[in-house]
Amino acid sequence: MKQKWYCCPTMKLKDRFMVLIMGQDVFLLFRKGGSLRKSRDWLAREKANFIPLG
């Protein structure tokens, strides 16, 4: 499975992250460690700001 990394200039953390969707929750898994839990509504609003890194 190929990992898709993103960055988002509107977020405070400037680290690259992967998106993991489980049910109604969205988890952003950061490369340097740690994660953030968000909602699917947040993902729908913010996805346009994501920059794919490969």
PDB file of N, CA and C in Angstrom:
ATOM      1  N   MET A   1       0.839  -1.183   0.000  1.00  0.00           N
ATOM      2  CA  MET A   1       0.000   0.000   0.000  1.00  0.00           C
ATOM      3  C   MET A   1       0.884   1.247   0.000  1.00  0.00           C
ATOM      4  N   LYS A   2       0.640   2.119  -0.955  1.00  0.00           N
ATOM      5  CA  LYS A   2       1.439   3.331  -1.070  1.00  0.00           C
ATOM      6  C   LYS A   2       0.942   4.369  -0.070  1.00  0.00           C
ATOM      7  N   GLN A   3       1.873   4.990   0.618  1.00  0.00           N
ATOM      8  CA  GLN A   3       1.513   6.023   1.582  1.00  0.00           C
ATOM      9  C   GLN A   3       1.390   7.355   0.861  1.00  0.00           C
ATOM     10  N   LYS A   4       0.336   8.091   1.172  1.00  0.00           N
ATOM     11  CA  LYS A   4       0.142   9.411   0.590  1.00  0.00           C
ATOM     12  C   LYS A   4       0.388  10.454   1.667  1.00  0.00           C
ATOM     13  N   TRP A   5       1.411  11.257   1.479  1.00  0.00           N
ATOM     14  CA  TRP A   5       1.762  12.301   2.436  1.00  0.00           C
ATOM     15  C   TRP A   5       1.233  13.638   1.936  1.00  0.00           C
ATOM     16  N   TYR A   6       0.794  14.468   2.878  1.00  0.00           N
ATOM     17  CA  TYR A   6       0.268  15.792   2.562  1.00  0.00           C
ATOM     18  C   TYR A   6       0.876  16.811   3.516  1.00  0.00           C
ATOM     19  N   CYS A   7       0.814  18.074   3.118  1.00  0.00           N
ATOM     20  CA  CYS A   7       1.055  19.157   4.063  1.00  0.00           C
ATOM     21  C   CYS A   7      -0.068  20.166   3.854  1.00  0.00           C
ATOM     22  N   CYS A   8      -0.295  20.993   4.850  1.00  0.00           N
ATOM     23  CA  CYS A   8      -1.392  21.952   4.781  1.00  0.00           C
ATOM     24  C   CYS A   8      -0.905  23.275   5.360  1.00  0.00           C
ATOM     25  N   PRO A   9      -0.794  24.320   4.537  1.00  0.00           N
ATOM     26  CA  PRO A   9      -0.271  25.602   5.019  1.00  0.00           C
ATOM     27  C   PRO A   9      -1.172  26.295   6.037  1.00  0.00           C
ATOM     28  N   THR A  10      -2.446  25.910   6.122  1.00  0.00           N
ATOM     29  CA  THR A  10      -3.351  26.574   7.064  1.00  0.00           C
ATOM     30  C   THR A  10      -3.276  25.984   8.466  1.00  0.00           C
ATOM     31  N   MET A  11      -2.568  24.863   8.634  1.00  0.00           N
ATOM     32  CA  MET A  11      -2.457  24.242   9.955  1.00  0.00           C
ATOM     33  C   MET A  11      -1.251  24.789  10.704  1.00  0.00           C
ATOM     34  N   LYS A  12      -1.350  24.807  12.036  1.00  0.00           N
ATOM     35  CA  LYS A  12      -0.238  25.295  12.862  1.00  0.00           C
ATOM     36  C   LYS A  12       0.974  24.388  12.755  1.00  0.00           C
ATOM     37  N   LEU A  13       0.742  23.070  12.760  1.00  0.00           N
ATOM     38  CA  LEU A  13       1.847  22.121  12.637  1.00  0.00           C
ATOM     39  C   LEU A  13       2.242  22.019  11.166  1.00  0.00           C
ATOM     40  N   LYS A  14       3.482  22.304  10.860  1.00  0.00           N
ATOM     41  CA  LYS A  14       3.931  22.315   9.461  1.00  0.00           C
ATOM     42  C   LYS A  14       4.517  20.981   9.021  1.00  0.00           C
ATOM     43  N   ASP A  15       4.320  19.943   9.822  1.00  0.00           N
ATOM     44  CA  ASP A  15       4.844  18.618   9.499  1.00  0.00           C
ATOM     45  C   ASP A  15       3.969  17.957   8.433  1.00  0.00           C
ATOM     46  N   ARG A  16       4.550  17.030   7.672  1.00  0.00           N
ATOM     47  CA  ARG A  16       3.743  16.281   6.703  1.00  0.00           C
ATOM     48  C   ARG A  16       2.948  15.199   7.434  1.00  0.00           C
ATOM     49  N   PHE A  17       1.818  14.809   6.858  1.00  0.00           N
ATOM     50  CA  PHE A  17       0.928  13.866   7.528  1.00  0.00           C
ATOM     51  C   PHE A  17       0.242  12.953   6.531  1.00  0.00           C
ATOM     52  N   MET A  18      -0.275  11.837   7.055  1.00  0.00           N
ATOM     53  CA  MET A  18      -1.129  10.919   6.306  1.00  0.00           C
ATOM     54  C   MET A  18      -2.537  11.035   6.873  1.00  0.00           C
ATOM     55  N   VAL A  19      -3.534  10.752   6.055  1.00  0.00           N
ATOM     56  CA  VAL A  19      -4.927  10.802   6.487  1.00  0.00           C
ATOM     57  C   VAL A  19      -5.432   9.374   6.650  1.00  0.00           C
ATOM     58  N   LEU A  20      -5.993   9.078   7.822  1.00  0.00           N
ATOM     59  CA  LEU A  20      -6.575   7.767   8.107  1.00  0.00           C
ATOM     60  C   LEU A  20      -8.031   7.992   8.495  1.00  0.00           C
ATOM     61  N   ILE A  21      -8.965   7.383   7.757  1.00  0.00           N
ATOM     62  CA  ILE A  21     -10.392   7.563   8.019  1.00  0.00           C
ATOM     63  C   ILE A  21     -10.940   6.292   8.654  1.00  0.00           C
ATOM     64  N   MET A  22     -11.540   6.458   9.838  1.00  0.00           N
ATOM     65  CA  MET A  22     -12.155   5.330  10.548  1.00  0.00           C
ATOM     66  C   MET A  22     -13.544   5.761  11.005  1.00  0.00           C
ATOM     67  N   GLY A  23     -14.578   5.243  10.342  1.00  0.00           N
ATOM     68  CA  GLY A  23     -15.942   5.618  10.702  1.00  0.00           C
ATOM     69  C   GLY A  23     -16.174   7.100  10.453  1.00  0.00           C
ATOM     70  N   GLN A  24     -16.662   7.805  11.466  1.00  0.00           N
ATOM     71  CA  GLN A  24     -16.917   9.242  11.348  1.00  0.00           C
ATOM     72  C   GLN A  24     -15.709  10.087  11.741  1.00  0.00           C
ATOM     73  N   ASP A  25     -14.638   9.436  12.187  1.00  0.00           N
ATOM     74  CA  ASP A  25     -13.448  10.161  12.628  1.00  0.00           C
ATOM     75  C   ASP A  25     -12.375  10.148  11.550  1.00  0.00           C
ATOM     76  N   VAL A  26     -11.601  11.213  11.513  1.00  0.00           N
ATOM     77  CA  VAL A  26     -10.462  11.336  10.612  1.00  0.00           C
ATOM     78  C   VAL A  26      -9.234  11.574  11.478  1.00  0.00           C
ATOM     79  N   PHE A  27      -8.198  10.784  11.266  1.00  0.00           N
ATOM     80  CA  PHE A  27      -6.958  10.945  12.022  1.00  0.00           C
ATOM     81  C   PHE A  27      -5.863  11.426  11.082  1.00  0.00           C
ATOM     82  N   LEU A  28      -5.138  12.451  11.511  1.00  0.00           N
ATOM     83  CA  LEU A  28      -3.968  12.919  10.784  1.00  0.00           C
ATOM     84  C   LEU A  28      -2.749  12.356  11.499  1.00  0.00           C
ATOM     85  N   LEU A  29      -2.018  11.489  10.833  1.00  0.00           N
ATOM     86  CA  LEU A  29      -0.845  10.849  11.423  1.00  0.00           C
ATOM     87  C   LEU A  29       0.398  11.582  10.932  1.00  0.00           C
ATOM     88  N   PHE A  30       1.117  12.208  11.852  1.00  0.00           N
ATOM     89  CA  PHE A  30       2.254  13.037  11.478  1.00  0.00           C
ATOM     90  C   PHE A  30       3.530  12.226  11.359  1.00  0.00           C
ATOM     91  N   ARG A  31       4.398  12.652  10.468  1.00  0.00           N
ATOM     92  CA  ARG A  31       5.636  11.922  10.195  1.00  0.00           C
ATOM     93  C   ARG A  31       6.562  11.923  11.403  1.00  0.00           C
ATOM     94  N   LYS A  32       6.630  13.031  12.117  1.00  0.00           N
ATOM     95  CA  LYS A  32       7.522  13.129  13.276  1.00  0.00           C
ATOM     96  C   LYS A  32       6.911  12.514  14.532  1.00  0.00           C
ATOM     97  N   GLY A  33       5.728  11.955  14.410  1.00  0.00           N
ATOM     98  CA  GLY A  33       5.055  11.342  15.553  1.00  0.00           C
ATOM     99  C   GLY A  33       3.866  12.163  15.994  1.00  0.00           C
ATOM    100  N   GLY A  34       2.912  11.499  16.596  1.00  0.00           N
ATOM    101  CA  GLY A  34       1.710  12.177  17.061  1.00  0.00           C
ATOM    102  C   GLY A  34       0.597  12.111  16.034  1.00  0.00           C
ATOM    103  N   SER A  35      -0.592  12.466  16.483  1.00  0.00           N
ATOM    104  CA  SER A  35      -1.745  12.444  15.595  1.00  0.00           C
ATOM    105  C   SER A  35      -2.770  13.458  16.080  1.00  0.00           C
ATOM    106  N   LEU A  36      -3.666  13.818  15.192  1.00  0.00           N
ATOM    107  CA  LEU A  36      -4.793  14.692  15.515  1.00  0.00           C
ATOM    108  C   LEU A  36      -6.068  13.982  15.100  1.00  0.00           C
ATOM    109  N   ARG A  37      -7.114  14.134  15.902  1.00  0.00           N
ATOM    110  CA  ARG A  37      -8.411  13.551  15.578  1.00  0.00           C
ATOM    111  C   ARG A  37      -9.328  14.675  15.116  1.00  0.00           C
ATOM    112  N   LYS A  38      -9.914  14.498  13.952  1.00  0.00           N
ATOM    113  CA  LYS A  38     -10.810  15.500  13.373  1.00  0.00           C
ATOM    114  C   LYS A  38     -12.095  14.816  12.924  1.00  0.00           C
ATOM    115  N   SER A  39     -13.046  15.621  12.463  1.00  0.00           N
ATOM    116  CA  SER A  39     -14.313  15.075  11.965  1.00  0.00           C
ATOM    117  C   SER A  39     -14.291  15.024  10.435  1.00  0.00           C
ATOM    118  N   ARG A  40     -15.224  14.266   9.877  1.00  0.00           N
ATOM    119  CA  ARG A  40     -15.326  14.210   8.414  1.00  0.00           C
ATOM    120  C   ARG A  40     -15.733  15.565   7.837  1.00  0.00           C
ATOM    121  N   ASP A  41     -16.518  16.341   8.592  1.00  0.00           N
ATOM    122  CA  ASP A  41     -16.895  17.682   8.135  1.00  0.00           C
ATOM    123  C   ASP A  41     -15.662  18.563   7.990  1.00  0.00           C
ATOM    124  N   TRP A  42     -14.745  18.471   8.962  1.00  0.00           N
ATOM    125  CA  TRP A  42     -13.501  19.235   8.898  1.00  0.00           C
ATOM    126  C   TRP A  42     -12.714  18.843   7.653  1.00  0.00           C
ATOM    127  N   LEU A  43     -12.636  17.533   7.379  1.00  0.00           N
ATOM    128  CA  LEU A  43     -11.895  17.054   6.212  1.00  0.00           C
ATOM    129  C   LEU A  43     -12.506  17.588   4.919  1.00  0.00           C
ATOM    130  N   ALA A  44     -13.820  17.606   4.840  1.00  0.00           N
ATOM    131  CA  ALA A  44     -14.491  18.106   3.635  1.00  0.00           C
ATOM    132  C   ALA A  44     -14.163  19.583   3.404  1.00  0.00           C
ATOM    133  N   ARG A  45     -14.090  20.362   4.493  1.00  0.00           N
ATOM    134  CA  ARG A  45     -13.776  21.792   4.366  1.00  0.00           C
ATOM    135  C   ARG A  45     -12.302  22.033   4.042  1.00  0.00           C
ATOM    136  N   GLU A  46     -11.406  21.288   4.661  1.00  0.00           N
ATOM    137  CA  GLU A  46      -9.971  21.563   4.576  1.00  0.00           C
ATOM    138  C   GLU A  46      -9.247  20.836   3.448  1.00  0.00           C
ATOM    139  N   LYS A  47      -9.871  19.834   2.846  1.00  0.00           N
ATOM    140  CA  LYS A  47      -9.166  19.006   1.857  1.00  0.00           C
ATOM    141  C   LYS A  47      -8.634  19.826   0.685  1.00  0.00           C
ATOM    142  N   ALA A  48      -9.288  20.904   0.344  1.00  0.00           N
ATOM    143  CA  ALA A  48      -8.826  21.745  -0.764  1.00  0.00           C
ATOM    144  C   ALA A  48      -7.482  22.399  -0.453  1.00  0.00           C
ATOM    145  N   ASN A  49      -7.148  22.552   0.831  1.00  0.00           N
ATOM    146  CA  ASN A  49      -5.886  23.180   1.226  1.00  0.00           C
ATOM    147  C   ASN A  49      -4.728  22.195   1.302  1.00  0.00           C
ATOM    148  N   PHE A  50      -5.011  20.891   1.198  1.00  0.00           N
ATOM    149  CA  PHE A  50      -3.957  19.881   1.315  1.00  0.00           C
ATOM    150  C   PHE A  50      -3.076  19.901   0.062  1.00  0.00           C
ATOM    151  N   ILE A  51      -1.782  19.801   0.260  1.00  0.00           N
ATOM    152  CA  ILE A  51      -0.826  19.748  -0.843  1.00  0.00           C
ATOM    153  C   ILE A  51      -0.201  18.353  -0.857  1.00  0.00           C
ATOM    154  N   PRO A  52      -0.440  17.544  -1.908  1.00  0.00           N
ATOM    155  CA  PRO A  52       0.149  16.198  -1.944  1.00  0.00           C
ATOM    156  C   PRO A  52       1.665  16.265  -2.108  1.00  0.00           C
ATOM    157  N   LEU A  53       2.367  15.454  -1.331  1.00  0.00           N
ATOM    158  CA  LEU A  53       3.832  15.419  -1.391  1.00  0.00           C
ATOM    159  C   LEU A  53       4.349  14.137  -2.021  1.00  0.00           C
ATOM    160  N   GLY A  54       3.480  13.199  -2.286  1.00  0.00           N
ATOM    161  CA  GLY A  54       3.909  11.953  -2.912  1.00  0.00           C
ATOM    162  C   GLY A  54       3.834  10.773  -1.991  1.00  0.00           C
TER     163      GLY A  54
END
